[in-house]
């Protein structure tokens, strides 16, 4: 969780007991005034899916996206609320904490910069003698 919207929306929730299984992820609680929605692949509210955020921390938009097609806009209106579509996958745990579970797209951050892994795959695929390319984000 690295975007400004996150730091204004969540706080770390210490575990009451140490994790017993390897790979346990930290949980986050929602700051008051923030609405969180998880949408599954069909766009329905779920306990696992793409993380959407709504609340006073949202910007009115991004200047460079004002002319972009609607499907490329990172904002959606749902039930009268304006949400920021993070493209991050999350799970709502039974105790109400949220756990980050990866990306819904093939982008990752490297040294503070967004990197489009599909664009890199396409560029590598065009090189001579390259038959097949596959890049995967590091889950750590």
Protein backbone atom coordinates (compact mmCIF):
# COMPACT_ATOMS: atom_id res chain seq x y z
CA UNK A 1 0.00 0.00 0.00
CA UNK A 2 1.99 2.93 -1.26
CA UNK A 3 -0.30 5.53 -2.80
CA UNK A 4 -1.23 8.75 -1.01
CA UNK A 5 -4.88 7.67 -1.02
CA UNK A 6 -3.90 4.67 1.10
CA UNK A 7 -2.01 6.61 3.73
CA UNK A 8 -5.03 8.87 4.10
CA UNK A 9 -7.42 5.90 4.22
CA UNK A 10 -5.84 3.12 6.29
CA UNK A 11 -3.73 2.54 9.36
CA UNK A 12 -1.75 -0.54 10.29
CA UNK A 13 -3.58 -2.93 12.57
CA UNK A 14 -1.13 -4.87 14.77
CA UNK A 15 -1.91 -8.52 15.12
CA UNK A 16 -3.12 -9.64 18.53
CA UNK A 17 -1.19 -12.89 18.13
CA UNK A 18 1.97 -13.52 16.11
CA UNK A 19 1.25 -15.23 12.76
CA UNK A 20 1.54 -19.01 12.88
CA UNK A 21 1.88 -19.49 9.13
CA UNK A 22 4.64 -18.16 6.92
CA UNK A 23 3.59 -15.53 4.42
CA UNK A 24 0.98 -13.89 6.65
CA UNK A 25 0.26 -10.35 5.52
CA UNK A 26 -0.23 -7.25 7.64
CA UNK A 27 -3.77 -6.02 8.08
CA UNK A 28 -5.08 -2.48 7.77
CA UNK A 29 -8.06 -0.76 9.32
CA UNK A 30 -10.04 2.00 7.66
CA UNK A 31 -9.75 5.60 8.87
CA UNK A 32 -13.06 7.23 9.82
CA UNK A 33 -14.85 8.94 6.93
CA UNK A 34 -13.37 6.61 4.30
CA UNK A 35 -15.56 4.22 2.31
CA UNK A 36 -13.96 1.02 1.04
CA UNK A 37 -15.44 -1.21 -1.62
CA UNK A 38 -14.05 -4.48 -2.97
CA UNK A 39 -15.40 -5.48 -6.39
CA UNK A 40 -15.11 -8.99 -7.82
CA UNK A 41 -14.50 -9.76 -11.51
CA UNK A 42 -18.19 -9.19 -12.25
CA UNK A 43 -18.21 -5.78 -10.57
CA UNK A 44 -20.17 -6.96 -7.52
CA UNK A 45 -19.32 -6.13 -3.89
CA UNK A 46 -17.30 -8.94 -2.35
CA UNK A 47 -14.84 -9.81 0.45
CA UNK A 48 -12.10 -10.18 -2.20
CA UNK A 49 -11.54 -8.02 -5.25
CA UNK A 50 -10.29 -4.72 -6.61
CA UNK A 51 -9.93 -2.07 -3.91
CA UNK A 52 -11.95 1.13 -4.43
CA UNK A 53 -11.72 4.12 -2.07
CA UNK A 54 -14.10 7.02 -1.47
CA UNK A 55 -13.92 9.95 0.92
CA UNK A 56 -12.54 13.42 1.52
CA UNK A 57 -8.97 12.37 0.64
CA UNK A 58 -9.76 11.92 -3.06
CA UNK A 59 -8.53 14.42 -5.62
CA UNK A 60 -11.00 15.88 -8.08
CA UNK A 61 -9.07 14.17 -10.88
CA UNK A 62 -5.82 13.97 -12.76
CA UNK A 63 -5.02 16.74 -15.25
CA UNK A 64 -3.44 14.44 -17.82
CA UNK A 65 -6.53 12.18 -17.87
CA UNK A 66 -9.23 14.78 -18.53
CA UNK A 67 -9.45 13.80 -22.22
CA UNK A 68 -8.97 10.07 -21.66
CA UNK A 69 -11.82 7.67 -22.51
CA UNK A 70 -14.12 6.86 -19.60
CA UNK A 71 -12.79 3.28 -19.27
CA UNK A 72 -9.29 4.67 -18.62
CA UNK A 73 -10.41 7.05 -15.87
CA UNK A 74 -9.42 5.84 -12.38
CA UNK A 75 -12.68 7.14 -10.84
CA UNK A 76 -16.17 5.58 -10.77
CA UNK A 77 -19.48 6.65 -9.31
CA UNK A 78 -21.26 3.86 -7.43
CA UNK A 79 -24.46 4.40 -5.44
CA UNK A 80 -23.92 8.17 -5.48
CA UNK A 81 -20.33 8.01 -4.17
CA UNK A 82 -17.21 8.81 -6.20
CA UNK A 83 -14.57 6.09 -5.85
CA UNK A 84 -10.91 5.89 -6.82
CA UNK A 85 -10.17 2.54 -8.51
CA UNK A 86 -6.76 1.53 -7.15
CA UNK A 87 -6.19 -1.55 -9.42
CA UNK A 88 -4.96 -3.27 -6.25
CA UNK A 89 -6.50 -6.52 -5.07
CA UNK A 90 -7.45 -6.84 -1.41
CA UNK A 91 -9.23 -9.18 0.96
CA UNK A 92 -11.47 -8.21 3.87
CA UNK A 93 -10.63 -10.52 6.76
CA UNK A 94 -13.37 -11.77 9.12
CA UNK A 95 -12.13 -9.33 11.79
CA UNK A 96 -12.65 -6.36 9.41
CA UNK A 97 -9.00 -5.76 8.52
CA UNK A 98 -8.02 -5.38 4.88
CA UNK A 99 -5.10 -7.30 3.41
CA UNK A 100 -3.26 -6.33 0.21
CA UNK A 101 -3.24 -9.27 -2.25
CA UNK A 102 -1.47 -7.97 -5.37
CA UNK A 103 -2.42 -6.04 -8.50
CA UNK A 104 -5.36 -6.38 -10.89
CA UNK A 105 -3.09 -5.34 -13.77
CA UNK A 106 0.48 -5.91 -14.84
CA UNK A 107 2.03 -2.80 -13.29
CA UNK A 108 4.47 -2.71 -10.43
CA UNK A 109 6.56 -0.07 -8.69
CA UNK A 110 10.32 -0.06 -9.00
CA UNK A 111 12.29 2.59 -7.08
CA UNK A 112 9.19 4.79 -6.81
CA UNK A 113 8.24 4.62 -10.50
CA UNK A 114 5.33 2.72 -12.04
CA UNK A 115 6.49 0.09 -14.52
CA UNK A 116 4.13 -1.48 -17.09
CA UNK A 117 5.28 -5.09 -17.38
CA UNK A 118 3.16 -5.73 -20.50
CA UNK A 119 4.86 -2.85 -22.35
CA UNK A 120 8.26 -4.33 -21.44
CA UNK A 121 7.14 -7.78 -22.59
CA UNK A 122 6.01 -6.33 -25.94
CA UNK A 123 9.34 -4.49 -26.42
CA UNK A 124 11.35 -7.61 -25.59
CA UNK A 125 9.18 -9.73 -27.91
CA UNK A 126 10.15 -7.48 -30.84
CA UNK A 127 13.86 -8.22 -30.38
CA UNK A 128 15.49 -10.61 -32.85
CA UNK A 129 15.71 -14.27 -31.80
CA UNK A 130 13.26 -13.81 -28.93
CA UNK A 131 10.51 -16.43 -29.17
CA UNK A 132 8.57 -15.93 -25.95
CA UNK A 133 8.63 -13.47 -23.06
CA UNK A 134 6.89 -13.48 -19.68
CA UNK A 135 7.45 -11.00 -16.83
CA UNK A 136 5.93 -11.38 -13.39
CA UNK A 137 5.89 -8.86 -10.55
CA UNK A 138 7.83 -9.73 -7.41
CA UNK A 139 5.15 -10.45 -4.77
CA UNK A 140 7.37 -9.33 -1.87
